[in-house]
Every structure is written in structure tokens, then in C-alpha cells.
Amino acid sequence: MIDPVEINSLIKLLDDPDKEIFGHIHDKLFSYGSEAIGYLESAWEQAFDPILQERIANLVHEIQFSLAKDELKLWYQGGCFDLLQGVLTINKYQYPDLDEQKVINQIEAIKRDIWLQMIYDASPAEQVKLINHVFYNIYGFSGNTSNHHDPQNSYLSAVLESKKGNQISLAIIYSIIAQKLDIPIYGVNLPQHFILAYVDESMETEFEGGILFYINAFNRGVMFGRRDVDMFLKNLKLQPEKQFYEPCSNADIVRRILRNLISAYENLGSTEKVAELNQLMEIVS
């Protein structure tokens, strides 16, 4: 248990000009982890000294970043089974106070609205058309074409609020909802794009791996076939590889989000964020 008197006394000493004393106090407060955050935030509000405020803010960020790293490590080492949990962990890098339950509830609400209209024996194409109707027409999701490199496009909570995202964030929400409805739609890690595949190994298909067709979540859920993927790769002057056609792992998806974020912050010149996101990338590489 934290002693409130002790921790508040330590926080007051954070502005000590002696580097050695500051380092010792910093390390002691950091060792308290998440339990220290409330005390630090309260002290920040009451502080008038800009040096003390800055040191408190930096320490809070260090603790929160350390917690995000630990959470991502647990997710990765635990087998990456829950895609939503992995994506929420990345989300908490930018929004450490994220209300996870709110995000889960938002996704559940979309799922429920699709489920209420679902016909029991609907064909795969009919299922996708229904998802598209609810997702794009009723909820108003769309690709963010005007500000495609905005890092907010990669944070799930921001995309659920703005209804605008990039290829991967829209595909993640779309596939998570589909899988909650027992519709087998999974992400495909296509270069310079991210698409979805409808997979049903029980049906005769022209593709390997039971893929019936592909879906472009960035373009209002348009359905297309393997030849379109062939043409896309040909235009990029890339050889067709198996991984460009088949569903990828949850770890691949999280790595792709991190690459997008690193690129977005490089464009903005945010070197500190790039360095931290590279640390997160190392955890899942």
C-alpha cells in the first residue's frame, strides 16, 4: 500500500536542482507504477512551478508508457488471440485513460443492429451487403481520404467517434463485428493496402484456403475477386505471393498499425513518438 504522506512528500521534491537527488526521487515514484498516477496528476494541478509541472507530466507519461509496453508484451506472449485487445493496447499508448468498455459497447451496438436484420440462411454476399448497409449507410463510416496520414486514423476509439479511418482501422472494426456474428471475415495484409477476405472452407471456391471473395472496407465494403488482387500487385510491380492473398495473423495486424503510426508521426516530425512506437514494434517483432 502507498503511504499518501510519503508519496506527496516525494512529489514535492521532484523539482530538486540536484540531478542525483532528482534521479533517486524519480526512480522511487516510478517504482510505484499505476498507483502513483492519481497522486502525480493531483500534484500537477496544484503546482505553479513550470519545472515541477513538466517533471510530473514526464513521469506520468513514463509510467503510462511502461504499462502499455507491459500490456502489449502480455498480449503478444499470450498468443495474440484477441485482436480487439491488442488494438486497444496500441490505442492506450495515445489515450492512456481510454474507457475500454465504451469502445466494446460501441462495437457491440453496431453488431446488434446488423444481427437484428440478419436473415438466417443469407448467402455470404447477402451477409456482406447487410453489414455494408448498417456500417456505411446507417453508422456513416467512411475512408478518411482528405487527411489520410493523420495518426488519429489508426486509433480505434478516435475512428469510432469520427466515423473516419484508414484502410486498416476500418477493416479491423468490420472484421471484429463480422466475427462476433460468426461471419468468417479476416484481414489480408496486402502491400500499400489492407483488405478483407470472406473465408469458407466448406464451400467450393476458385481460390485456395476457402476464400470466396475479398472486401474493401475503405471503399464502402466493395466485393471483388482474386484477379483484382493480381492486377493491384501487377500495378505495384510486385510478384504475387501467398501472403498477399490469405488472412494474416493478429500480430501482423498490430504490426501494420504500428508501422502506419510510425510513418504518420515521422511525417509530423514527432521524433519522441517515433522512438516510443519503435519500442512497441520491438515487442511484437
Protein backbone atom coordinates (compact mmCIF):
# COMPACT_ATOMS: atom_id res chain seq x y z
CA MET A 1 0.00 0.00 0.00
CA ILE A 2 1.18 3.50 -0.84
CA ASP A 3 1.60 5.93 2.06
CA PRO A 4 -0.08 9.17 0.83
CA VAL A 5 2.07 11.35 3.07
CA GLU A 6 5.30 9.75 1.80
CA ILE A 7 4.35 9.93 -1.88
CA ASN A 8 3.20 13.56 -1.67
CA SER A 9 6.44 14.48 0.11
CA LEU A 10 8.44 12.80 -2.67
CA ILE A 11 6.46 14.59 -5.41
CA LYS A 12 7.24 17.97 -3.81
CA LEU A 13 10.95 17.16 -4.13
CA LEU A 14 10.74 16.45 -7.88
CA ASP A 15 11.93 19.99 -8.68
CA ASP A 16 15.19 19.49 -6.76
CA PRO A 17 18.05 21.03 -8.81
CA ASP A 18 20.45 18.26 -7.74
CA LYS A 19 20.38 15.68 -10.56
CA GLU A 20 21.29 12.80 -8.24
CA ILE A 21 18.52 13.60 -5.75
CA PHE A 22 16.03 14.12 -8.60
CA GLY A 23 17.04 10.79 -10.17
CA HIS A 24 16.54 8.94 -6.87
CA ILE A 25 13.10 10.50 -6.28
CA HIS A 26 12.08 9.91 -9.91
CA ASP A 27 13.01 6.21 -9.68
CA LYS A 28 11.22 5.77 -6.37
CA LEU A 29 7.99 7.33 -7.71
CA PHE A 30 8.28 5.35 -10.96
CA SER A 31 8.53 2.11 -8.94
CA TYR A 32 5.01 2.73 -7.55
CA GLY A 33 3.62 2.28 -11.08
CA SER A 34 -0.04 2.99 -11.78
CA GLU A 35 -0.78 3.64 -8.09
CA ALA A 36 1.30 6.84 -8.26
CA ILE A 37 -0.55 8.37 -11.22
CA GLY A 38 -3.52 9.80 -9.27
CA TYR A 39 -1.21 11.49 -6.75
CA LEU A 40 1.01 12.87 -9.53
CA GLU A 41 -1.92 14.25 -11.52
CA SER A 42 -3.37 15.89 -8.42
CA ALA A 43 0.02 17.46 -7.61
CA TRP A 44 0.36 18.70 -11.22
CA GLU A 45 -2.96 20.58 -10.91
CA GLN A 46 -1.77 22.31 -7.73
CA ALA A 47 1.79 23.06 -8.93
CA PHE A 48 2.75 26.57 -10.07
CA ASP A 49 6.39 25.87 -10.82
CA PRO A 50 6.75 25.04 -14.58
CA ILE A 51 9.78 22.76 -13.91
CA LEU A 52 7.81 20.74 -11.35
CA GLN A 53 4.81 20.55 -13.72
CA GLU A 54 6.99 19.37 -16.58
CA ARG A 55 8.73 16.72 -14.47
CA ILE A 56 5.41 15.43 -13.12
CA ALA A 57 3.92 15.27 -16.64
CA ASN A 58 7.00 13.43 -17.98
CA LEU A 59 6.90 10.95 -15.10
CA VAL A 60 3.19 10.24 -15.60
CA HIS A 61 3.87 9.59 -19.30
CA GLU A 62 6.82 7.29 -18.47
CA ILE A 63 4.65 5.22 -16.11
CA GLN A 64 1.77 5.03 -18.60
CA PHE A 65 4.11 4.07 -21.45
CA SER A 66 5.70 1.37 -19.28
CA LEU A 67 2.21 -0.02 -18.51
CA ALA A 68 1.33 -0.02 -22.26
CA LYS A 69 4.54 -1.92 -23.03
CA ASP A 70 3.82 -4.49 -20.31
CA GLU A 71 0.25 -4.96 -21.58
CA LEU A 72 1.41 -5.40 -25.18
CA LYS A 73 4.06 -7.90 -24.06
CA LEU A 74 1.42 -9.94 -22.19
CA TRP A 75 -0.88 -9.91 -25.24
CA TYR A 76 1.91 -10.97 -27.61
CA GLN A 77 3.38 -13.66 -25.36
CA GLY A 78 -0.13 -14.93 -24.61
CA GLY A 79 -0.72 -15.83 -28.27
CA CYS A 80 -2.39 -12.67 -29.67
CA PHE A 81 -5.80 -14.39 -29.64
CA ASP A 82 -7.98 -11.34 -29.05
CA LEU A 83 -7.41 -8.81 -31.85
CA LEU A 84 -9.55 -6.16 -30.17
CA GLN A 85 -7.44 -6.34 -27.00
CA GLY A 86 -4.23 -5.90 -28.98
CA VAL A 87 -5.63 -2.92 -30.86
CA LEU A 88 -6.92 -1.34 -27.62
CA THR A 89 -3.43 -1.66 -26.11
CA ILE A 90 -2.00 0.38 -29.01
CA ASN A 91 -4.88 2.83 -28.53
CA LYS A 92 -3.88 3.29 -24.89
CA TYR A 93 -0.42 4.43 -25.98
CA GLN A 94 -2.04 7.70 -27.11
CA TYR A 95 -5.08 7.61 -24.80
CA PRO A 96 -3.90 6.03 -21.51
CA ASP A 97 -7.22 6.82 -19.79
CA LEU A 98 -9.18 5.05 -22.54
CA ASP A 99 -12.54 3.67 -21.44
CA GLU A 100 -12.22 0.20 -22.99
CA GLN A 101 -15.79 -0.72 -22.11
CA LYS A 102 -17.10 2.26 -24.07
CA VAL A 103 -15.25 1.05 -27.20
CA ILE A 104 -16.55 -2.51 -26.68
CA ASN A 105 -20.10 -1.15 -26.25
CA GLN A 106 -19.84 0.89 -29.47
CA ILE A 107 -18.78 -2.21 -31.41
CA GLU A 108 -21.50 -4.31 -29.76
CA ALA A 109 -24.15 -1.72 -30.75
CA ILE A 110 -23.18 -1.98 -34.44
CA LYS A 111 -23.13 -5.78 -34.20
CA ARG A 112 -26.60 -5.81 -32.60
CA ASP A 113 -28.08 -3.59 -35.33
CA ILE A 114 -26.74 -5.97 -38.01
CA TRP A 115 -27.87 -9.06 -36.10
CA LEU A 116 -31.45 -7.72 -35.78
CA GLN A 117 -31.70 -7.58 -39.59
CA MET A 118 -29.80 -10.79 -40.31
CA ILE A 119 -31.64 -13.49 -42.27
CA TYR A 120 -30.80 -16.99 -41.06
CA ASP A 121 -29.93 -18.54 -44.44
CA ALA A 122 -28.47 -15.44 -46.12
CA SER A 123 -25.70 -16.10 -48.63
CA PRO A 124 -22.18 -14.75 -47.94
CA ALA A 125 -22.75 -11.89 -50.43
CA GLU A 126 -26.09 -11.03 -48.77
CA GLN A 127 -24.44 -11.03 -45.34
CA VAL A 128 -21.78 -8.59 -46.55
CA LYS A 129 -24.39 -6.35 -48.19
CA LEU A 130 -26.23 -6.15 -44.85
CA ILE A 131 -23.04 -5.36 -42.92
CA ASN A 132 -22.26 -2.67 -45.52
CA HIS A 133 -25.72 -1.15 -45.21
CA VAL A 134 -25.52 -0.82 -41.42
CA PHE A 135 -21.81 0.07 -41.26
CA TYR A 136 -21.69 2.67 -44.04
CA ASN A 137 -25.26 3.89 -44.56
CA ILE A 138 -26.65 3.84 -41.00
CA TYR A 139 -23.49 4.46 -38.94
CA GLY A 140 -21.78 6.57 -41.60
CA PHE A 141 -18.28 5.08 -41.58
CA SER A 142 -16.02 6.15 -44.46
CA GLY A 143 -12.39 6.26 -45.51
CA ASN A 144 -10.55 9.40 -44.48
CA THR A 145 -9.39 10.45 -47.95
CA SER A 146 -8.78 14.14 -47.14
CA ASN A 147 -6.39 13.53 -44.21
CA HIS A 148 -5.17 10.01 -44.82
CA HIS A 149 -1.87 10.33 -42.90
CA ASP A 150 -3.44 11.66 -39.68
CA PRO A 151 -2.34 9.36 -36.81
CA GLN A 152 -5.91 9.55 -35.44
CA ASN A 153 -6.92 7.24 -38.32
CA SER A 154 -5.06 4.43 -36.54
CA TYR A 155 -6.60 4.81 -33.07
CA LEU A 156 -9.77 2.72 -32.78
CA SER A 157 -11.51 4.98 -30.24
CA ALA A 158 -10.95 8.05 -32.46
CA VAL A 159 -12.25 6.21 -35.55
CA LEU A 160 -15.38 5.07 -33.70
CA GLU A 161 -16.04 8.69 -32.70
CA SER A 162 -15.26 10.41 -36.03
CA LYS A 163 -16.52 7.51 -38.23
CA LYS A 164 -13.46 8.13 -40.43
CA GLY A 165 -10.40 5.91 -40.66
CA ASN A 166 -7.73 4.38 -42.84
CA GLN A 167 -7.81 1.01 -44.60
CA ILE A 168 -6.67 -1.00 -41.61
CA SER A 169 -8.75 0.64 -38.85
CA LEU A 170 -11.99 0.32 -40.83
CA ALA A 171 -11.11 -3.27 -41.77
CA ILE A 172 -10.40 -4.13 -38.11
CA ILE A 173 -13.77 -2.82 -36.89
CA TYR A 174 -15.54 -4.50 -39.84
CA SER A 175 -13.89 -7.90 -39.27
CA ILE A 176 -14.32 -7.85 -35.48
CA ILE A 177 -18.06 -7.19 -35.92
CA ALA A 178 -18.34 -9.89 -38.61
CA GLN A 179 -16.57 -12.47 -36.43
CA LYS A 180 -18.84 -11.61 -33.47
CA LEU A 181 -21.73 -12.53 -35.82
CA ASP A 182 -19.96 -15.82 -36.74
CA ILE A 183 -19.28 -14.48 -40.24
CA PRO A 184 -15.76 -15.61 -41.27
CA ILE A 185 -14.19 -12.34 -42.48
CA TYR A 186 -10.48 -11.82 -41.83
CA GLY A 187 -7.76 -9.27 -42.61
CA VAL A 188 -5.37 -9.68 -45.55
CA ASN A 189 -2.03 -7.85 -45.35
CA LEU A 190 -1.79 -6.53 -48.91
CA PRO A 191 1.13 -4.15 -49.63
CA GLN A 192 0.07 -0.47 -49.58
CA HIS A 193 -3.48 -1.56 -48.81
CA PHE A 194 -5.33 -3.70 -46.29
CA ILE A 195 -8.33 -5.76 -47.38
CA LEU A 196 -10.64 -8.45 -46.01
CA ALA A 197 -11.34 -11.98 -47.14
CA TYR A 198 -14.56 -13.97 -46.71
CA VAL A 199 -13.35 -17.47 -45.86
CA ASP A 200 -15.49 -20.62 -46.01
CA GLU A 201 -13.52 -23.84 -46.37
CA SER A 202 -16.74 -25.89 -46.60
CA MET A 203 -17.65 -24.31 -49.95
CA GLU A 204 -16.19 -24.88 -53.41
CA THR A 205 -14.14 -21.84 -54.35
CA GLU A 206 -11.86 -20.76 -57.15
CA PHE A 207 -9.24 -19.68 -54.58
CA GLU A 208 -7.01 -21.62 -52.22
CA GLY A 209 -7.80 -21.56 -48.50
CA GLY A 210 -11.57 -21.38 -48.93
CA ILE A 211 -11.64 -17.67 -49.84
CA LEU A 212 -14.94 -16.84 -51.55
CA PHE A 213 -14.17 -13.18 -52.28
CA TYR A 214 -12.44 -10.08 -50.96
CA ILE A 215 -13.88 -6.91 -49.39
CA ASN A 216 -12.53 -3.35 -49.45
CA ALA A 217 -13.59 -1.82 -46.12
CA PHE A 218 -12.06 1.53 -47.12
CA ASN A 219 -14.33 1.71 -50.18
CA ARG A 220 -17.74 1.04 -48.60
CA GLY A 221 -17.33 -2.74 -48.47
CA VAL A 222 -16.99 -3.35 -52.23
CA MET A 223 -16.61 -7.06 -53.03
CA PHE A 224 -14.04 -8.24 -55.59
CA GLY A 225 -12.11 -11.29 -56.75
CA ARG A 226 -8.60 -12.67 -56.95
CA ARG A 227 -7.95 -11.18 -60.40
CA ASP A 228 -8.37 -7.70 -58.93
CA VAL A 229 -5.67 -8.52 -56.37
CA ASP A 230 -3.49 -9.83 -59.24
CA MET A 231 -3.93 -6.53 -61.10
CA PHE A 232 -3.24 -4.46 -57.97
CA LEU A 233 0.07 -6.31 -57.39
CA LYS A 234 0.96 -6.03 -61.09
CA ASN A 235 0.47 -2.25 -60.93
CA LEU A 236 2.81 -2.14 -57.92
CA LYS A 237 5.29 -4.30 -59.90
CA LEU A 238 5.20 -6.93 -57.14
CA GLN A 239 5.34 -10.69 -57.56
CA PRO A 240 2.16 -12.44 -56.34
CA GLU A 241 2.98 -14.12 -53.02
CA LYS A 242 0.73 -16.38 -50.95
CA GLN A 243 0.73 -13.93 -48.00
CA PHE A 244 -0.82 -11.21 -50.19
CA TYR A 245 -3.94 -13.32 -50.77
CA GLU A 246 -4.57 -15.11 -47.48
CA PRO A 247 -5.66 -13.97 -44.00
CA CYS A 248 -2.85 -12.72 -41.77
CA SER A 249 -2.33 -13.12 -38.03
CA ASN A 250 -3.49 -10.73 -35.32
CA ALA A 251 0.19 -9.95 -34.62
CA ASP A 252 0.63 -8.96 -38.30
CA ILE A 253 -2.32 -6.57 -37.97
CA VAL A 254 -0.92 -4.91 -34.84
CA ARG A 255 2.49 -4.58 -36.52
CA ARG A 256 0.79 -2.94 -39.51
CA ILE A 257 -0.97 -0.41 -37.21
CA LEU A 258 2.36 0.42 -35.57
CA ARG A 259 4.05 0.89 -38.97
CA ASN A 260 1.25 3.27 -40.00
CA LEU A 261 1.64 5.25 -36.78
CA ILE A 262 5.43 5.43 -37.10
CA SER A 263 5.03 6.74 -40.66
CA ALA A 264 2.35 9.26 -39.59
CA TYR A 265 4.47 10.67 -36.75
CA GLU A 266 7.59 10.77 -38.95
CA ASN A 267 5.61 12.98 -41.34
CA LEU A 268 4.74 15.24 -38.40
CA GLY A 269 8.35 15.30 -37.16
CA SER A 270 7.37 13.79 -33.77
CA THR A 271 10.69 12.04 -33.09
CA GLU A 272 9.85 11.10 -29.48
CA LYS A 273 6.66 9.32 -30.53
CA VAL A 274 8.51 7.55 -33.37
CA ALA A 275 11.13 6.30 -30.87
CA GLU A 276 8.45 5.04 -28.45
CA LEU A 277 6.42 3.34 -31.18
CA ASN A 278 9.60 1.61 -32.36
CA GLN A 279 9.91 0.21 -28.84
CA LEU A 280 6.35 -1.14 -29.11
CA MET A 281 7.24 -2.61 -32.51
CA GLU A 282 10.22 -4.42 -30.99
CA ILE A 283 7.88 -6.13 -28.50
CA VAL A 284 5.74 -7.67 -31.28
CA SER A 285 8.59 -8.39 -33.74
